């Protein structure tokens, strides 16, 4: 049973920083890529950042220059460093990963962690 567990969410003042972490556990052979998505009230789910096992990254336009994703296969974790936070960053953040196990390859999601940015 593969699981993704996020941590690091919370309340922060505008202009501040938070660091989210996602840890994958289970019978993992390899992780092809990991990503962060978010969903704010009244909005569709959107891609925040994505990283491949080769270290290639991609960011959503609204966070580029402020957020940094890193980690990938390092200890089966990925982190999201969030700087210069804005109230519009308030959302539930979800970890996503494509993981290969002995049984095959699957797409997995974490339970989500709340990030709230006050003005």
Protein backbone atom coordinates (compact mmCIF):
# COMPACT_ATOMS: atom_id res chain seq x y z
CA UNK A 1 0.00 0.00 0.00
CA UNK A 2 1.59 3.26 -1.20
CA UNK A 3 0.79 6.41 0.74
CA UNK A 4 1.67 10.09 0.34
CA UNK A 5 1.66 12.23 3.48
CA UNK A 6 1.97 16.02 3.40
CA UNK A 7 3.20 18.22 6.23
CA UNK A 8 4.12 21.84 6.85
CA UNK A 9 0.83 23.59 6.20
CA UNK A 10 -0.50 26.26 8.51
CA UNK A 11 -1.21 29.95 8.94
CA UNK A 12 1.25 32.62 7.86
CA UNK A 13 1.24 36.38 7.33
CA UNK A 14 1.42 37.81 3.82
CA UNK A 15 5.03 38.15 2.72
CA UNK A 16 6.13 35.24 4.87
CA UNK A 17 7.32 31.76 3.99
CA UNK A 18 6.29 28.14 4.47
CA UNK A 19 7.90 24.86 3.50
CA UNK A 20 5.72 21.90 2.60
CA UNK A 21 6.97 18.32 2.53
CA UNK A 22 5.54 15.16 1.00
CA UNK A 23 6.79 11.71 1.97
CA UNK A 24 5.98 8.57 0.01
CA UNK A 25 5.93 5.23 1.79
CA UNK A 26 5.23 1.64 0.87
CA UNK A 27 6.70 -0.92 -1.50
CA UNK A 28 8.26 1.66 -3.83
CA UNK A 29 10.56 0.68 -6.67
CA UNK A 30 10.94 4.17 -8.17
CA UNK A 31 9.20 7.53 -8.44
CA UNK A 32 8.88 8.95 -11.94
CA UNK A 33 7.83 12.43 -10.84
CA UNK A 34 6.23 14.31 -8.00
CA UNK A 35 4.09 17.42 -8.06
CA UNK A 36 2.10 19.84 -5.96
CA UNK A 37 -1.43 20.91 -6.83
CA UNK A 38 -3.77 23.22 -4.98
CA UNK A 39 -7.47 23.99 -4.80
CA UNK A 40 -8.90 27.21 -3.40
CA UNK A 41 -12.59 27.74 -2.58
CA UNK A 42 -14.56 28.38 -5.74
CA UNK A 43 -11.62 27.58 -8.00
CA UNK A 44 -10.50 24.60 -10.04
CA UNK A 45 -7.54 22.49 -9.04
CA UNK A 46 -4.34 23.93 -10.49
CA UNK A 47 -0.76 22.78 -10.89
CA UNK A 48 1.65 24.54 -8.53
CA UNK A 49 4.94 22.81 -9.34
CA UNK A 50 6.25 19.61 -10.88
CA UNK A 51 9.62 17.84 -10.79
CA UNK A 52 10.87 14.77 -12.65
CA UNK A 53 13.42 12.21 -11.53
CA UNK A 54 15.89 13.96 -13.84
CA UNK A 55 15.46 17.24 -11.99
CA UNK A 56 13.41 19.09 -14.59
CA UNK A 57 10.90 21.48 -13.04
CA UNK A 58 7.77 23.32 -14.10
CA UNK A 59 5.76 25.97 -12.25
CA UNK A 60 2.36 27.52 -12.51
CA UNK A 61 2.42 31.11 -13.72
CA UNK A 62 1.00 32.45 -10.47
CA UNK A 63 3.84 31.05 -8.33
CA UNK A 64 6.86 31.21 -10.63
CA UNK A 65 9.70 33.14 -9.01
CA UNK A 66 8.28 32.68 -5.52
CA UNK A 67 8.04 28.90 -5.05
CA UNK A 68 10.73 26.23 -5.46
CA UNK A 69 10.20 22.48 -5.73
CA UNK A 70 13.01 20.04 -4.91
CA UNK A 71 13.75 16.52 -3.73
CA UNK A 72 12.16 14.05 -6.13
CA UNK A 73 13.69 10.62 -5.40
CA UNK A 74 15.79 11.84 -2.48
CA UNK A 75 14.46 9.67 0.35
CA UNK A 76 11.18 9.41 -1.57
CA UNK A 77 10.27 12.97 -0.63
CA UNK A 78 9.53 16.27 -2.31
CA UNK A 79 9.48 19.74 -0.78
CA UNK A 80 7.86 23.01 -1.78
CA UNK A 81 9.53 26.16 -0.49
CA UNK A 82 7.01 29.00 -0.63
CA UNK A 83 8.25 32.57 -0.29
CA UNK A 84 6.57 35.97 -0.58
CA UNK A 85 3.22 34.40 0.18
CA UNK A 86 0.04 36.23 -0.81
CA UNK A 87 -3.53 35.86 0.44
CA UNK A 88 -4.48 34.39 -2.95
CA UNK A 89 -2.13 31.48 -2.20
CA UNK A 90 -4.62 30.29 0.42
CA UNK A 91 -5.73 26.80 -0.60
CA UNK A 92 -5.54 23.11 0.18
CA UNK A 93 -2.27 21.80 -1.24
CA UNK A 94 -2.07 18.22 -2.54
CA UNK A 95 0.95 16.05 -3.25
CA UNK A 96 0.81 13.94 -6.42
CA UNK A 97 3.23 11.26 -7.62
CA UNK A 98 3.57 8.60 -10.29
CA UNK A 99 5.15 5.63 -8.51
CA UNK A 100 6.37 2.29 -9.77
CA UNK A 101 5.93 -0.70 -7.47
CA UNK A 102 6.47 -4.41 -7.94
CA UNK A 103 2.83 -4.62 -9.00
CA UNK A 104 3.04 -1.86 -11.60
CA UNK A 105 2.86 1.91 -11.98
CA UNK A 106 0.16 4.06 -10.41
CA UNK A 107 -0.88 7.66 -9.82
CA UNK A 108 -1.15 8.57 -6.13
CA UNK A 109 -2.48 11.54 -4.16
CA UNK A 110 -2.00 12.77 -0.62
CA UNK A 111 -4.80 13.85 1.67
CA UNK A 112 -4.00 17.56 1.37
CA UNK A 113 -2.73 20.19 3.78
CA UNK A 114 -4.29 23.61 4.43
CA UNK A 115 -2.27 26.76 3.78
CA UNK A 116 -3.81 30.04 4.93
CA UNK A 117 -2.17 33.41 4.24
CA UNK A 118 -3.49 36.42 6.13
CA UNK A 119 -3.16 40.05 5.11
